[in-house]
Amino acid sequence: MTDVDFFTPGARLALELECLLMDTRNDAAQSRWWDSAHEALEQWRQAVLAMEASIDAMLKAREASND
């Protein structure tokens, strides 16, 4: 079984969404997706931070067990 890289396309989607939101900020009142899109982007950012923290903790634990 091969590992699937979800992070790279997910990060690109988040960046594309952020650019789209910034490009259409003057149309915020007209878009019913504005709040939902910002919420989704924030959830992605929080997930990335949590994943990075988990990886850091795993690496530190591995280093500690090798000492």
PDB file of N, CA and C in Angstrom:
ATOM      1  N   MET A   1       0.847  -1.189   0.000  1.00  0.00           N
ATOM      2  CA  MET A   1       0.000   0.000   0.000  1.00  0.00           C
ATOM      3  C   MET A   1       0.888   1.246   0.000  1.00  0.00           C
ATOM      4  N   THR A   2       0.589   2.182  -0.840  1.00  0.00           N
ATOM      5  CA  THR A   2       1.384   3.399  -0.923  1.00  0.00           C
ATOM      6  C   THR A   2       0.728   4.515  -0.118  1.00  0.00           C
ATOM      7  N   ASP A   3       1.578   5.394   0.394  1.00  0.00           N
ATOM      8  CA  ASP A   3       1.064   6.557   1.115  1.00  0.00           C
ATOM      9  C   ASP A   3       0.511   7.562   0.117  1.00  0.00           C
ATOM     10  N   VAL A   4      -0.602   8.149   0.469  1.00  0.00           N
ATOM     11  CA  VAL A   4      -1.222   9.166  -0.374  1.00  0.00           C
ATOM     12  C   VAL A   4      -0.934  10.524   0.248  1.00  0.00           C
ATOM     13  N   ASP A   5      -0.436  11.439  -0.545  1.00  0.00           N
ATOM     14  CA  ASP A   5      -0.113  12.782  -0.065  1.00  0.00           C
ATOM     15  C   ASP A   5      -1.345  13.669  -0.192  1.00  0.00           C
ATOM     16  N   PHE A   6      -2.039  13.846   0.922  1.00  0.00           N
ATOM     17  CA  PHE A   6      -3.202  14.730   0.940  1.00  0.00           C
ATOM     18  C   PHE A   6      -2.800  16.159   1.261  1.00  0.00           C
ATOM     19  N   PHE A   7      -1.641  16.314   1.898  1.00  0.00           N
ATOM     20  CA  PHE A   7      -1.244  17.635   2.358  1.00  0.00           C
ATOM     21  C   PHE A   7      -0.991  18.597   1.201  1.00  0.00           C
ATOM     22  N   THR A   8      -0.237  18.179   0.207  1.00  0.00           N
ATOM     23  CA  THR A   8       0.126  19.078  -0.892  1.00  0.00           C
ATOM     24  C   THR A   8      -1.094  19.614  -1.641  1.00  0.00           C
ATOM     25  N   PRO A   9      -2.000  18.760  -2.105  1.00  0.00           N
ATOM     26  CA  PRO A   9      -3.174  19.321  -2.783  1.00  0.00           C
ATOM     27  C   PRO A   9      -4.091  20.082  -1.825  1.00  0.00           C
ATOM     28  N   GLY A  10      -4.154  19.641  -0.570  1.00  0.00           N
ATOM     29  CA  GLY A  10      -4.974  20.359   0.412  1.00  0.00           C
ATOM     30  C   GLY A  10      -4.440  21.753   0.672  1.00  0.00           C
ATOM     31  N   ALA A  11      -3.119  21.859   0.775  1.00  0.00           N
ATOM     32  CA  ALA A  11      -2.501  23.167   0.985  1.00  0.00           C
ATOM     33  C   ALA A  11      -2.737  24.070  -0.218  1.00  0.00           C
ATOM     34  N   ARG A  12      -2.646  23.501  -1.402  1.00  0.00           N
ATOM     35  CA  ARG A  12      -2.893  24.310  -2.602  1.00  0.00           C
ATOM     36  C   ARG A  12      -4.338  24.784  -2.647  1.00  0.00           C
ATOM     37  N   LEU A  13      -5.274  23.894  -2.314  1.00  0.00           N
ATOM     38  CA  LEU A  13      -6.681  24.289  -2.288  1.00  0.00           C
ATOM     39  C   LEU A  13      -6.917  25.406  -1.283  1.00  0.00           C
ATOM     40  N   ALA A  14      -6.291  25.299  -0.120  1.00  0.00           N
ATOM     41  CA  ALA A  14      -6.439  26.343   0.894  1.00  0.00           C
ATOM     42  C   ALA A  14      -5.882  27.668   0.382  1.00  0.00           C
ATOM     43  N   LEU A  15      -4.738  27.627  -0.278  1.00  0.00           N
ATOM     44  CA  LEU A  15      -4.147  28.849  -0.825  1.00  0.00           C
ATOM     45  C   LEU A  15      -5.025  29.437  -1.920  1.00  0.00           C
ATOM     46  N   GLU A  16      -5.532  28.581  -2.798  1.00  0.00           N
ATOM     47  CA  GLU A  16      -6.420  29.060  -3.860  1.00  0.00           C
ATOM     48  C   GLU A  16      -7.675  29.696  -3.267  1.00  0.00           C
ATOM     49  N   LEU A  17      -8.228  29.068  -2.231  1.00  0.00           N
ATOM     50  CA  LEU A  17      -9.413  29.607  -1.574  1.00  0.00           C
ATOM     51  C   LEU A  17      -9.107  30.956  -0.944  1.00  0.00           C
ATOM     52  N   GLU A  18      -7.960  31.035  -0.280  1.00  0.00           N
ATOM     53  CA  GLU A  18      -7.581  32.302   0.345  1.00  0.00           C
ATOM     54  C   GLU A  18      -7.436  33.404  -0.706  1.00  0.00           C
ATOM     55  N   CYS A  19      -6.799  33.092  -1.824  1.00  0.00           N
ATOM     56  CA  CYS A  19      -6.646  34.083  -2.898  1.00  0.00           C
ATOM     57  C   CYS A  19      -8.001  34.498  -3.454  1.00  0.00           C
ATOM     58  N   LEU A  20      -8.877  33.533  -3.642  1.00  0.00           N
ATOM     59  CA  LEU A  20     -10.212  33.842  -4.149  1.00  0.00           C
ATOM     60  C   LEU A  20     -10.965  34.737  -3.175  1.00  0.00           C
ATOM     61  N   LEU A  21     -10.888  34.416  -1.893  1.00  0.00           N
ATOM     62  CA  LEU A  21     -11.575  35.233  -0.887  1.00  0.00           C
ATOM     63  C   LEU A  21     -11.028  36.657  -0.864  1.00  0.00           C
ATOM     64  N   MET A  22      -9.713  36.780  -0.976  1.00  0.00           N
ATOM     65  CA  MET A  22      -9.118  38.119  -0.975  1.00  0.00           C
ATOM     66  C   MET A  22      -9.505  38.888  -2.237  1.00  0.00           C
ATOM     67  N   ASP A  23      -9.609  38.178  -3.350  1.00  0.00           N
ATOM     68  CA  ASP A  23      -9.949  38.814  -4.615  1.00  0.00           C
ATOM     69  C   ASP A  23     -11.402  39.274  -4.652  1.00  0.00           C
ATOM     70  N   THR A  24     -12.257  38.601  -3.890  1.00  0.00           N
ATOM     71  CA  THR A  24     -13.685  38.926  -3.926  1.00  0.00           C
ATOM     72  C   THR A  24     -14.165  39.586  -2.637  1.00  0.00           C
ATOM     73  N   ARG A  25     -13.249  40.170  -1.866  1.00  0.00           N
ATOM     74  CA  ARG A  25     -13.644  40.730  -0.562  1.00  0.00           C
ATOM     75  C   ARG A  25     -14.674  41.844  -0.685  1.00  0.00           C
ATOM     76  N   ASN A  26     -14.707  42.539  -1.801  1.00  0.00           N
ATOM     77  CA  ASN A  26     -15.710  43.588  -1.991  1.00  0.00           C
ATOM     78  C   ASN A  26     -17.100  43.006  -2.254  1.00  0.00           C
ATOM     79  N   ASP A  27     -17.143  41.731  -2.611  1.00  0.00           N
ATOM     80  CA  ASP A  27     -18.413  41.068  -2.891  1.00  0.00           C
ATOM     81  C   ASP A  27     -18.887  40.211  -1.719  1.00  0.00           C
ATOM     82  N   ALA A  28     -18.297  40.397  -0.546  1.00  0.00           N
ATOM     83  CA  ALA A  28     -18.594  39.539   0.607  1.00  0.00           C
ATOM     84  C   ALA A  28     -20.076  39.520   0.943  1.00  0.00           C
ATOM     85  N   ALA A  29     -20.710  40.651   0.890  1.00  0.00           N
ATOM     86  CA  ALA A  29     -22.130  40.718   1.247  1.00  0.00           C
ATOM     87  C   ALA A  29     -22.998  39.974   0.239  1.00  0.00           C
ATOM     88  N   GLN A  30     -22.510  39.810  -0.968  1.00  0.00           N
ATOM     89  CA  GLN A  30     -23.291  39.158  -2.015  1.00  0.00           C
ATOM     90  C   GLN A  30     -23.095  37.646  -2.048  1.00  0.00           C
ATOM     91  N   SER A  31     -22.042  37.164  -1.417  1.00  0.00           N
ATOM     92  CA  SER A  31     -21.732  35.740  -1.499  1.00  0.00           C
ATOM     93  C   SER A  31     -22.245  34.987  -0.281  1.00  0.00           C
ATOM     94  N   ARG A  32     -23.084  33.995  -0.511  1.00  0.00           N
ATOM     95  CA  ARG A  32     -23.609  33.200   0.596  1.00  0.00           C
ATOM     96  C   ARG A  32     -22.552  32.239   1.124  1.00  0.00           C
ATOM     97  N   TRP A  33     -21.447  32.091   0.392  1.00  0.00           N
ATOM     98  CA  TRP A  33     -20.392  31.166   0.794  1.00  0.00           C
ATOM     99  C   TRP A  33     -19.279  31.850   1.571  1.00  0.00           C
ATOM    100  N   TRP A  34     -19.335  33.145   1.731  1.00  0.00           N
ATOM    101  CA  TRP A  34     -18.249  33.905   2.344  1.00  0.00           C
ATOM    102  C   TRP A  34     -17.875  33.373   3.726  1.00  0.00           C
ATOM    103  N   ASP A  35     -18.832  33.312   4.637  1.00  0.00           N
ATOM    104  CA  ASP A  35     -18.546  32.869   6.004  1.00  0.00           C
ATOM    105  C   ASP A  35     -18.123  31.404   6.037  1.00  0.00           C
ATOM    106  N   SER A  36     -18.795  30.592   5.254  1.00  0.00           N
ATOM    107  CA  SER A  36     -18.471  29.172   5.214  1.00  0.00           C
ATOM    108  C   SER A  36     -17.056  28.940   4.685  1.00  0.00           C
ATOM    109  N   ALA A  37     -16.673  29.680   3.673  1.00  0.00           N
ATOM    110  CA  ALA A  37     -15.336  29.537   3.095  1.00  0.00           C
ATOM    111  C   ALA A  37     -14.266  29.960   4.089  1.00  0.00           C
ATOM    112  N   HIS A  38     -14.502  31.051   4.794  1.00  0.00           N
ATOM    113  CA  HIS A  38     -13.536  31.486   5.806  1.00  0.00           C
ATOM    114  C   HIS A  38     -13.436  30.465   6.940  1.00  0.00           C
ATOM    115  N   GLU A  39     -14.552  29.877   7.316  1.00  0.00           N
ATOM    116  CA  GLU A  39     -14.545  28.853   8.362  1.00  0.00           C
ATOM    117  C   GLU A  39     -13.756  27.626   7.904  1.00  0.00           C
ATOM    118  N   ALA A  40     -13.972  27.204   6.666  1.00  0.00           N
ATOM    119  CA  ALA A  40     -13.252  26.049   6.129  1.00  0.00           C
ATOM    120  C   ALA A  40     -11.754  26.313   6.069  1.00  0.00           C
ATOM    121  N   LEU A  41     -11.382  27.512   5.670  1.00  0.00           N
ATOM    122  CA  LEU A  41      -9.970  27.867   5.603  1.00  0.00           C
ATOM    123  C   LEU A  41      -9.349  27.858   6.994  1.00  0.00           C
ATOM    124  N   GLU A  42     -10.050  28.370   7.981  1.00  0.00           N
ATOM    125  CA  GLU A  42      -9.537  28.371   9.352  1.00  0.00           C
ATOM    126  C   GLU A  42      -9.419  26.944   9.886  1.00  0.00           C
ATOM    127  N   GLN A  43     -10.373  26.090   9.564  1.00  0.00           N
ATOM    128  CA  GLN A  43     -10.291  24.692   9.989  1.00  0.00           C
ATOM    129  C   GLN A  43      -9.074  24.009   9.367  1.00  0.00           C
ATOM    130  N   TRP A  44      -8.785  24.323   8.111  1.00  0.00           N
ATOM    131  CA  TRP A  44      -7.605  23.755   7.454  1.00  0.00           C
ATOM    132  C   TRP A  44      -6.342  24.229   8.161  1.00  0.00           C
ATOM    133  N   ARG A  45      -6.267  25.502   8.468  1.00  0.00           N
ATOM    134  CA  ARG A  45      -5.084  26.032   9.154  1.00  0.00           C
ATOM    135  C   ARG A  45      -4.886  25.355  10.508  1.00  0.00           C
ATOM    136  N   GLN A  46      -5.967  25.178  11.260  1.00  0.00           N
ATOM    137  CA  GLN A  46      -5.873  24.524  12.564  1.00  0.00           C
ATOM    138  C   GLN A  46      -5.449  23.060  12.413  1.00  0.00           C
ATOM    139  N   ALA A  47      -5.945  22.393  11.400  1.00  0.00           N
ATOM    140  CA  ALA A  47      -5.569  20.997  11.164  1.00  0.00           C
ATOM    141  C   ALA A  47      -4.087  20.884  10.829  1.00  0.00           C
ATOM    142  N   VAL A  48      -3.576  21.805  10.037  1.00  0.00           N
ATOM    143  CA  VAL A  48      -2.154  21.801   9.688  1.00  0.00           C
ATOM    144  C   VAL A  48      -1.313  22.028  10.938  1.00  0.00           C
ATOM    145  N   LEU A  49      -1.703  22.985  11.771  1.00  0.00           N
ATOM    146  CA  LEU A  49      -0.961  23.242  13.006  1.00  0.00           C
ATOM    147  C   LEU A  49      -0.965  22.016  13.918  1.00  0.00           C
ATOM    148  N   ALA A  50      -2.108  21.360  14.039  1.00  0.00           N
ATOM    149  CA  ALA A  50      -2.205  20.164  14.875  1.00  0.00           C
ATOM    150  C   ALA A  50      -1.342  19.037  14.317  1.00  0.00           C
ATOM    151  N   MET A  51      -1.340  18.883  12.995  1.00  0.00           N
ATOM    152  CA  MET A  51      -0.534  17.851  12.373  1.00  0.00           C
ATOM    153  C   MET A  51       0.950  18.123  12.594  1.00  0.00           C
ATOM    154  N   GLU A  52       1.364  19.377  12.445  1.00  0.00           N
ATOM    155  CA  GLU A  52       2.763  19.728  12.662  1.00  0.00           C
ATOM    156  C   GLU A  52       3.171  19.470  14.108  1.00  0.00           C
ATOM    157  N   ALA A  53       2.307  19.802  15.060  1.00  0.00           N
ATOM    158  CA  ALA A  53       2.600  19.561  16.472  1.00  0.00           C
ATOM    159  C   ALA A  53       2.720  18.066  16.746  1.00  0.00           C
ATOM    160  N   SER A  54       1.863  17.284  16.127  1.00  0.00           N
ATOM    161  CA  SER A  54       1.901  15.834  16.303  1.00  0.00           C
ATOM    162  C   SER A  54       3.196  15.247  15.746  1.00  0.00           C
ATOM    163  N   ILE A  55       3.598  15.716  14.594  1.00  0.00           N
ATOM    164  CA  ILE A  55       4.844  15.240  13.986  1.00  0.00           C
ATOM    165  C   ILE A  55       6.030  15.628  14.850  1.00  0.00           C
ATOM    166  N   ASP A  56       6.053  16.866  15.342  1.00  0.00           N
ATOM    167  CA  ASP A  56       7.143  17.309  16.214  1.00  0.00           C
ATOM    168  C   ASP A  56       7.228  16.450  17.468  1.00  0.00           C
ATOM    169  N   ALA A  57       6.076  16.161  18.084  1.00  0.00           N
ATOM    170  CA  ALA A  57       6.053  15.332  19.288  1.00  0.00           C
ATOM    171  C   ALA A  57       6.557  13.924  18.990  1.00  0.00           C
ATOM    172  N   MET A  58       6.172  13.379  17.852  1.00  0.00           N
ATOM    173  CA  MET A  58       6.608  12.044  17.470  1.00  0.00           C
ATOM    174  C   MET A  58       8.124  12.010  17.260  1.00  0.00           C
ATOM    175  N   LEU A  59       8.659  13.027  16.593  1.00  0.00           N
ATOM    176  CA  LEU A  59      10.102  13.080  16.354  1.00  0.00           C
ATOM    177  C   LEU A  59      10.879  13.233  17.657  1.00  0.00           C
ATOM    178  N   LYS A  60      10.379  14.056  18.571  1.00  0.00           N
ATOM    179  CA  LYS A  60      11.043  14.227  19.864  1.00  0.00           C
ATOM    180  C   LYS A  60      11.015  12.932  20.660  1.00  0.00           C
ATOM    181  N   ALA A  61       9.898  12.220  20.625  1.00  0.00           N
ATOM    182  CA  ALA A  61       9.800  10.943  21.329  1.00  0.00           C
ATOM    183  C   ALA A  61      10.766   9.927  20.732  1.00  0.00           C
ATOM    184  N   ARG A  62      10.877   9.924  19.422  1.00  0.00           N
ATOM    185  CA  ARG A  62      11.802   9.005  18.751  1.00  0.00           C
ATOM    186  C   ARG A  62      13.243   9.330  19.127  1.00  0.00           C
ATOM    187  N   GLU A  63      13.592  10.628  19.150  1.00  0.00           N
ATOM    188  CA  GLU A  63      14.941  11.037  19.538  1.00  0.00           C
ATOM    189  C   GLU A  63      15.234  10.647  20.981  1.00  0.00           C
ATOM    190  N   ALA A  64      14.259  10.820  21.860  1.00  0.00           N
ATOM    191  CA  ALA A  64      14.446  10.487  23.274  1.00  0.00           C
ATOM    192  C   ALA A  64      14.650   8.984  23.461  1.00  0.00           C
ATOM    193  N   SER A  65      13.973   8.180  22.674  1.00  0.00           N
ATOM    194  CA  SER A  65      14.117   6.727  22.813  1.00  0.00           C
ATOM    195  C   SER A  65      15.443   6.236  22.238  1.00  0.00           C
ATOM    196  N   ASN A  66      16.045   7.021  21.354  1.00  0.00           N
ATOM    197  CA  ASN A  66      17.334   6.647  20.775  1.00  0.00           C
ATOM    198  C   ASN A  66      18.503   7.053  21.659  1.00  0.00           C
ATOM    199  N   ASP A  67      18.254   7.933  22.619  1.00  0.00           N
ATOM    200  CA  ASP A  67      19.345   8.393  23.505  1.00  0.00           C
ATOM    201  C   ASP A  67      19.663   7.412  24.586  1.00  0.00           C
TER     202      ASP A  67
END
